[in-house]
C-alpha cells in the first residue's frame, strides 16, 4: 500500500511540475507537451512503486496509471466544469497502459 501511495504522489508531483495544466484544460485542448508529461508521469510513478515492491509491476503500474487518470478527469470535471467525454476515457486508458509499461520496467531493472 505504501508503494501505491508513493507512486501516485510522484505522478501527481511530476505532472504539476512539468506542465501548465490549467492553461491546457482552460482552452479545452491538450497539447502534445501536456500529453507527453502525463504519459511520462504515469510511467515514472509506476516505476517508483514497482521498484519498491519488486513484483507484479504491470498490475501495480496499471492501477497507478488508472487512478492517476481518474484523478485528472475528476479534477478536470470539478475545476473546469467539463462533462465526461471520450477524451477522459482515452486519458484513463493511456495512463493505465503507460503505467503498466513503467511498472514492468521498474520490476525488471
C-alpha atoms as a PDB file:
ATOM      1  CA  UNK A   1       0.000   0.000   0.000  1.00  0.00           C
ATOM      2  CA  UNK A   2       2.906   2.343   0.697  1.00  0.00           C
ATOM      3  CA  UNK A   3       4.245   1.752  -2.808  1.00  0.00           C
ATOM      4  CA  UNK A   4       0.908   2.745  -4.338  1.00  0.00           C
ATOM      5  CA  UNK A   5       0.887   5.917  -2.270  1.00  0.00           C
ATOM      6  CA  UNK A   6       4.430   6.846  -3.324  1.00  0.00           C
ATOM      7  CA  UNK A   7       3.604   6.050  -6.947  1.00  0.00           C
ATOM      8  CA  UNK A   8       0.526   8.249  -7.015  1.00  0.00           C
ATOM      9  CA  UNK A   9       2.256  11.088  -5.163  1.00  0.00           C
ATOM     10  CA  UNK A  10       5.188  11.017  -7.571  1.00  0.00           C
ATOM     11  CA  UNK A  11       2.909  11.013 -10.643  1.00  0.00           C
ATOM     12  CA  UNK A  12       0.987  13.986  -9.348  1.00  0.00           C
ATOM     13  CA  UNK A  13       4.144  15.873  -8.404  1.00  0.00           C
ATOM     14  CA  UNK A  14       5.724  15.265 -11.798  1.00  0.00           C
ATOM     15  CA  UNK A  15       2.626  16.414 -13.639  1.00  0.00           C
ATOM     16  CA  UNK A  16       2.276  19.583 -11.610  1.00  0.00           C
ATOM     17  CA  UNK A  17       5.962  20.422 -12.027  1.00  0.00           C
ATOM     18  CA  UNK A  18       6.211  19.779 -15.772  1.00  0.00           C
ATOM     19  CA  UNK A  19       3.010  21.173 -17.265  1.00  0.00           C
ATOM     20  CA  UNK A  20       0.746  24.142 -17.105  1.00  0.00           C
ATOM     21  CA  UNK A  21      -2.370  22.012 -16.810  1.00  0.00           C
ATOM     22  CA  UNK A  22      -4.677  24.857 -16.014  1.00  0.00           C
ATOM     23  CA  UNK A  23      -3.863  26.605 -19.283  1.00  0.00           C
ATOM     24  CA  UNK A  24      -4.248  23.399 -21.298  1.00  0.00           C
ATOM     25  CA  UNK A  25      -7.614  22.457 -19.826  1.00  0.00           C
ATOM     26  CA  UNK A  26      -8.906  26.032 -19.868  1.00  0.00           C
ATOM     27  CA  UNK A  27      -8.512  26.141 -23.649  1.00  0.00           C
ATOM     28  CA  UNK A  28     -10.238  22.726 -23.958  1.00  0.00           C
ATOM     29  CA  UNK A  29      -7.316  21.102 -25.698  1.00  0.00           C
ATOM     30  CA  UNK A  30      -4.272  19.288 -24.503  1.00  0.00           C
ATOM     31  CA  UNK A  31      -1.062  19.996 -26.343  1.00  0.00           C
ATOM     32  CA  UNK A  32       1.436  17.237 -27.171  1.00  0.00           C
ATOM     33  CA  UNK A  33       3.673  18.526 -24.377  1.00  0.00           C
ATOM     34  CA  UNK A  34       0.885  18.030 -21.851  1.00  0.00           C
ATOM     35  CA  UNK A  35       0.153  14.517 -23.165  1.00  0.00           C
ATOM     36  CA  UNK A  36       3.838  13.608 -23.035  1.00  0.00           C
ATOM     37  CA  UNK A  37       4.105  14.917 -19.496  1.00  0.00           C
ATOM     38  CA  UNK A  38       1.062  12.936 -18.373  1.00  0.00           C
ATOM     39  CA  UNK A  39       2.324   9.723 -20.001  1.00  0.00           C
ATOM     40  CA  UNK A  40       5.824  10.124 -18.553  1.00  0.00           C
ATOM     41  CA  UNK A  41       4.446  10.990 -15.121  1.00  0.00           C
ATOM     42  CA  UNK A  42       2.313   7.847 -15.023  1.00  0.00           C
ATOM     43  CA  UNK A  43       5.223   5.696 -16.196  1.00  0.00           C
ATOM     44  CA  UNK A  44       7.711   7.179 -13.728  1.00  0.00           C
ATOM     45  CA  UNK A  45       5.269   6.942 -10.822  1.00  0.00           C
ATOM     46  CA  UNK A  46       4.600   3.290 -11.644  1.00  0.00           C
ATOM     47  CA  UNK A  47       8.340   2.698 -11.990  1.00  0.00           C
ATOM     48  CA  UNK A  48       8.913   4.083  -8.488  1.00  0.00           C
ATOM     49  CA  UNK A  49       6.158   1.934  -6.984  1.00  0.00           C
ATOM     50  CA  UNK A  50       7.332  -1.207  -8.782  1.00  0.00           C
ATOM     51  CA  UNK A  51      10.899  -0.681  -7.589  1.00  0.00           C
ATOM     52  CA  UNK A  52       9.593  -0.599  -4.016  1.00  0.00           C
ATOM     53  CA  UNK A  53       7.526  -3.792  -4.308  1.00  0.00           C
ATOM     54  CA  UNK A  54       9.650  -5.735  -6.850  1.00  0.00           C
ATOM     55  CA  UNK A  55       6.677  -7.854  -8.003  1.00  0.00           C
ATOM     56  CA  UNK A  56       3.608  -7.583 -10.237  1.00  0.00           C
ATOM     57  CA  UNK A  57       4.840  -4.411 -11.866  1.00  0.00           C
ATOM     58  CA  UNK A  58       2.338  -4.436 -14.711  1.00  0.00           C
ATOM     59  CA  UNK A  59      -0.619  -4.764 -12.330  1.00  0.00           C
ATOM     60  CA  UNK A  60       0.634  -2.179  -9.888  1.00  0.00           C
ATOM     61  CA  UNK A  61       1.625   0.195 -12.683  1.00  0.00           C
ATOM     62  CA  UNK A  62      -1.700  -0.179 -14.459  1.00  0.00           C
ATOM     63  CA  UNK A  63      -3.548   0.513 -11.232  1.00  0.00           C
ATOM     64  CA  UNK A  64      -1.469   3.587 -10.502  1.00  0.00           C
ATOM     65  CA  UNK A  65      -1.965   4.828 -14.061  1.00  0.00           C
ATOM     66  CA  UNK A  66      -5.720   4.266 -13.887  1.00  0.00           C
ATOM     67  CA  UNK A  67      -6.031   6.029 -10.530  1.00  0.00           C
ATOM     68  CA  UNK A  68      -3.897   8.884 -11.824  1.00  0.00           C
ATOM     69  CA  UNK A  69      -6.002   9.202 -14.990  1.00  0.00           C
ATOM     70  CA  UNK A  70      -9.221   9.125 -12.985  1.00  0.00           C
ATOM     71  CA  UNK A  71      -7.832  11.775 -10.644  1.00  0.00           C
ATOM     72  CA  UNK A  72      -7.005  14.022 -13.602  1.00  0.00           C
ATOM     73  CA  UNK A  73     -10.505  13.505 -15.013  1.00  0.00           C
ATOM     74  CA  UNK A  74     -12.179  14.321 -11.702  1.00  0.00           C
ATOM     75  CA  UNK A  75     -10.043  17.434 -11.327  1.00  0.00           C
ATOM     76  CA  UNK A  76     -10.876  18.490 -14.869  1.00  0.00           C
ATOM     77  CA  UNK A  77     -14.593  17.973 -14.306  1.00  0.00           C
ATOM     78  CA  UNK A  78     -14.702  19.849 -10.998  1.00  0.00           C
ATOM     79  CA  UNK A  79     -12.279  22.671 -11.758  1.00  0.00           C
ATOM     80  CA  UNK A  80     -13.438  23.468 -15.273  1.00  0.00           C
ATOM     81  CA  UNK A  81     -16.999  22.101 -15.333  1.00  0.00           C
ATOM     82  CA  UNK A  82     -16.227  19.601 -18.088  1.00  0.00           C
ATOM     83  CA  UNK A  83     -18.650  16.812 -18.834  1.00  0.00           C
ATOM     84  CA  UNK A  84     -17.497  13.213 -19.068  1.00  0.00           C
ATOM     85  CA  UNK A  85     -16.324  12.565 -22.607  1.00  0.00           C
ATOM     86  CA  UNK A  86     -14.376  10.197 -24.803  1.00  0.00           C
ATOM     87  CA  UNK A  87     -11.301  12.316 -24.113  1.00  0.00           C
ATOM     88  CA  UNK A  88     -11.413  11.271 -20.463  1.00  0.00           C
ATOM     89  CA  UNK A  89     -11.773   7.586 -21.332  1.00  0.00           C
ATOM     90  CA  UNK A  90      -8.769   7.856 -23.646  1.00  0.00           C
ATOM     91  CA  UNK A  91      -6.826   9.657 -20.910  1.00  0.00           C
ATOM     92  CA  UNK A  92      -7.513   6.849 -18.410  1.00  0.00           C
ATOM     93  CA  UNK A  93      -6.582   4.182 -20.961  1.00  0.00           C
ATOM     94  CA  UNK A  94      -3.346   5.922 -21.943  1.00  0.00           C
ATOM     95  CA  UNK A  95      -2.248   6.483 -18.339  1.00  0.00           C
ATOM     96  CA  UNK A  96      -3.073   2.886 -17.457  1.00  0.00           C
ATOM     97  CA  UNK A  97      -1.017   1.498 -20.349  1.00  0.00           C
ATOM     98  CA  UNK A  98       1.925   3.812 -19.694  1.00  0.00           C
ATOM     99  CA  UNK A  99       1.765   2.947 -16.001  1.00  0.00           C
ATOM    100  CA  UNK A 100       1.838  -0.766 -16.840  1.00  0.00           C
ATOM    101  CA  UNK A 101       4.915  -0.283 -19.010  1.00  0.00           C
ATOM    102  CA  UNK A 102       6.619   1.767 -16.305  1.00  0.00           C
ATOM    103  CA  UNK A 103       5.780  -0.883 -13.715  1.00  0.00           C
ATOM    104  CA  UNK A 104       7.201  -3.671 -15.867  1.00  0.00           C
ATOM    105  CA  UNK A 105      10.407  -1.719 -16.361  1.00  0.00           C
ATOM    106  CA  UNK A 106      10.578  -0.956 -12.633  1.00  0.00           C
ATOM    107  CA  UNK A 107      10.439  -4.638 -11.697  1.00  0.00           C
ATOM    108  CA  UNK A 108      12.967  -5.629 -14.360  1.00  0.00           C
ATOM    109  CA  UNK A 109      15.621  -3.065 -13.513  1.00  0.00           C
END
